[in-house]
Amino acid sequence: MRKVADCRDYPSESNCTLMISGEEDEVLRAAAEHAVSVHGHTDSPEFREQLRSVLKDEVPQHA
């Protein structure tokens, strides 16, 4: 199951609208890099586990 991280679920001062989707490990890595570079978070194993816990299953889009 693909996962999604969506900044719109967590309002910020920058009003970020980025949404990342893919395999869980890909999304976790990209979301952590984004959170550090854009939102000023500190990357750590604890932070990545926190991110992992809020990932959502991607809802398939049918044509």
N, C-alpha and C. Protein backbone atom coordinates (compact mmCIF):
# COMPACT_ATOMS: atom_id res chain seq x y z
N MET A 1 0.85 -1.19 0.00
CA MET A 1 0.00 0.00 0.00
C MET A 1 0.89 1.24 0.00
N ARG A 2 0.62 2.13 -0.95
CA ARG A 2 1.35 3.40 -1.00
C ARG A 2 0.90 4.29 0.15
N LYS A 3 1.79 5.19 0.57
CA LYS A 3 1.53 6.09 1.68
C LYS A 3 1.57 7.54 1.21
N VAL A 4 0.97 8.42 2.02
CA VAL A 4 0.90 9.85 1.71
C VAL A 4 1.29 10.66 2.94
N ALA A 5 2.09 11.69 2.72
CA ALA A 5 2.35 12.72 3.72
C ALA A 5 1.88 14.02 3.11
N ASP A 6 1.01 14.73 3.80
CA ASP A 6 0.40 15.95 3.25
C ASP A 6 0.56 17.10 4.24
N CYS A 7 1.35 18.10 3.86
CA CYS A 7 1.58 19.25 4.74
C CYS A 7 0.30 20.00 5.07
N ARG A 8 -0.70 19.90 4.21
CA ARG A 8 -1.95 20.62 4.47
C ARG A 8 -2.65 20.11 5.71
N ASP A 9 -2.30 18.89 6.16
CA ASP A 9 -2.88 18.33 7.39
C ASP A 9 -2.29 18.98 8.63
N TYR A 10 -1.17 19.71 8.47
CA TYR A 10 -0.47 20.31 9.60
C TYR A 10 -0.15 21.75 9.24
N PRO A 11 -1.09 22.66 9.48
CA PRO A 11 -0.89 24.06 9.10
C PRO A 11 0.42 24.63 9.64
N SER A 12 1.07 25.43 8.83
CA SER A 12 2.34 26.04 9.21
C SER A 12 2.32 27.52 8.82
N GLU A 13 3.31 28.24 9.29
CA GLU A 13 3.42 29.66 8.95
C GLU A 13 3.59 29.86 7.45
N SER A 14 4.19 28.89 6.78
CA SER A 14 4.43 29.03 5.34
C SER A 14 3.24 28.59 4.50
N ASN A 15 2.17 28.07 5.15
CA ASN A 15 1.01 27.55 4.43
C ASN A 15 1.40 26.55 3.35
N CYS A 16 2.30 25.66 3.70
CA CYS A 16 2.83 24.66 2.78
C CYS A 16 1.71 23.74 2.29
N THR A 17 1.73 23.42 1.01
CA THR A 17 0.70 22.55 0.42
C THR A 17 1.30 21.29 -0.20
N LEU A 18 2.56 21.00 0.12
CA LEU A 18 3.22 19.84 -0.48
C LEU A 18 2.56 18.54 -0.03
N MET A 19 2.37 17.64 -1.00
CA MET A 19 1.90 16.29 -0.70
C MET A 19 2.88 15.32 -1.36
N ILE A 20 3.32 14.34 -0.58
CA ILE A 20 4.29 13.35 -1.04
C ILE A 20 3.62 11.99 -1.00
N SER A 21 3.73 11.22 -2.08
CA SER A 21 3.15 9.88 -2.07
C SER A 21 4.12 8.90 -2.69
N GLY A 22 4.03 7.65 -2.23
CA GLY A 22 4.89 6.60 -2.75
C GLY A 22 4.97 5.47 -1.76
N GLU A 23 5.97 4.63 -1.92
CA GLU A 23 6.19 3.54 -0.97
C GLU A 23 6.59 4.15 0.37
N GLU A 24 6.24 3.49 1.46
CA GLU A 24 6.41 4.06 2.80
C GLU A 24 7.83 4.59 3.05
N ASP A 25 8.86 3.82 2.75
CA ASP A 25 10.22 4.27 3.02
C ASP A 25 10.60 5.50 2.19
N GLU A 26 10.11 5.56 0.94
CA GLU A 26 10.37 6.72 0.08
C GLU A 26 9.72 7.97 0.66
N VAL A 27 8.46 7.83 1.06
CA VAL A 27 7.72 8.97 1.60
C VAL A 27 8.35 9.43 2.90
N LEU A 28 8.71 8.49 3.75
CA LEU A 28 9.32 8.85 5.03
C LEU A 28 10.61 9.64 4.82
N ARG A 29 11.45 9.16 3.92
CA ARG A 29 12.73 9.84 3.65
C ARG A 29 12.48 11.25 3.09
N ALA A 30 11.60 11.36 2.10
CA ALA A 30 11.34 12.66 1.48
C ALA A 30 10.65 13.61 2.45
N ALA A 31 9.73 13.10 3.25
CA ALA A 31 9.02 13.95 4.21
C ALA A 31 9.97 14.46 5.28
N ALA A 32 10.88 13.62 5.73
CA ALA A 32 11.86 14.06 6.73
C ALA A 32 12.77 15.14 6.15
N GLU A 33 13.26 14.92 4.93
CA GLU A 33 14.12 15.93 4.29
C GLU A 33 13.37 17.25 4.12
N HIS A 34 12.11 17.18 3.71
CA HIS A 34 11.30 18.37 3.53
C HIS A 34 11.07 19.08 4.87
N ALA A 35 10.73 18.31 5.90
CA ALA A 35 10.45 18.89 7.22
C ALA A 35 11.68 19.62 7.77
N VAL A 36 12.85 19.07 7.53
CA VAL A 36 14.09 19.70 8.01
C VAL A 36 14.40 20.95 7.19
N SER A 37 14.38 20.82 5.85
CA SER A 37 14.83 21.94 5.01
C SER A 37 13.82 23.08 4.92
N VAL A 38 12.54 22.78 5.00
CA VAL A 38 11.52 23.83 4.83
C VAL A 38 10.93 24.29 6.16
N HIS A 39 10.71 23.34 7.06
CA HIS A 39 9.99 23.67 8.29
C HIS A 39 10.89 23.76 9.53
N GLY A 40 12.19 23.50 9.37
CA GLY A 40 13.14 23.70 10.45
C GLY A 40 13.16 22.62 11.52
N HIS A 41 12.59 21.45 11.23
CA HIS A 41 12.63 20.36 12.21
C HIS A 41 14.04 19.76 12.24
N THR A 42 14.33 19.03 13.30
CA THR A 42 15.59 18.33 13.44
C THR A 42 15.36 16.86 13.15
N ASP A 43 16.15 16.31 12.23
CA ASP A 43 16.01 14.91 11.87
C ASP A 43 16.62 14.03 12.95
N SER A 44 15.88 13.02 13.34
CA SER A 44 16.35 12.05 14.32
C SER A 44 15.52 10.78 14.15
N PRO A 45 15.97 9.68 14.71
CA PRO A 45 15.16 8.46 14.63
C PRO A 45 13.77 8.66 15.26
N GLU A 46 13.71 9.41 16.34
CA GLU A 46 12.43 9.67 17.00
C GLU A 46 11.51 10.49 16.10
N PHE A 47 12.07 11.50 15.43
CA PHE A 47 11.28 12.33 14.54
C PHE A 47 10.75 11.50 13.37
N ARG A 48 11.57 10.62 12.82
CA ARG A 48 11.12 9.78 11.70
C ARG A 48 10.02 8.82 12.14
N GLU A 49 10.09 8.31 13.35
CA GLU A 49 9.01 7.44 13.85
C GLU A 49 7.73 8.24 14.03
N GLN A 50 7.86 9.48 14.48
CA GLN A 50 6.69 10.36 14.61
C GLN A 50 6.07 10.59 13.23
N LEU A 51 6.91 10.87 12.24
CA LEU A 51 6.41 11.05 10.88
C LEU A 51 5.74 9.77 10.38
N ARG A 52 6.38 8.63 10.60
CA ARG A 52 5.83 7.36 10.14
C ARG A 52 4.43 7.14 10.71
N SER A 53 4.22 7.55 11.95
CA SER A 53 2.93 7.30 12.61
C SER A 53 1.79 8.14 12.02
N VAL A 54 2.11 9.22 11.31
CA VAL A 54 1.04 10.06 10.75
C VAL A 54 0.86 9.89 9.24
N LEU A 55 1.64 8.98 8.63
CA LEU A 55 1.44 8.72 7.21
C LEU A 55 0.07 8.07 7.02
N LYS A 56 -0.55 8.40 5.93
CA LYS A 56 -1.87 7.85 5.60
C LYS A 56 -1.76 6.93 4.39
N ASP A 57 -2.68 5.99 4.28
CA ASP A 57 -2.75 5.17 3.08
C ASP A 57 -3.23 6.03 1.92
N GLU A 58 -2.64 5.85 0.76
CA GLU A 58 -3.06 6.59 -0.41
C GLU A 58 -4.40 6.04 -0.92
N VAL A 59 -5.31 6.94 -1.24
CA VAL A 59 -6.58 6.54 -1.81
C VAL A 59 -6.40 6.46 -3.32
N PRO A 60 -6.59 5.28 -3.90
CA PRO A 60 -6.40 5.15 -5.35
C PRO A 60 -7.33 6.06 -6.13
N GLN A 61 -6.80 6.67 -7.17
CA GLN A 61 -7.58 7.51 -8.07
C GLN A 61 -7.92 6.69 -9.30
N HIS A 62 -9.21 6.51 -9.56
CA HIS A 62 -9.62 5.74 -10.74
C HIS A 62 -10.02 6.68 -11.86
N ALA A 63 -9.60 6.35 -13.07
CA ALA A 63 -9.88 7.19 -14.23
C ALA A 63 -11.33 7.11 -14.63
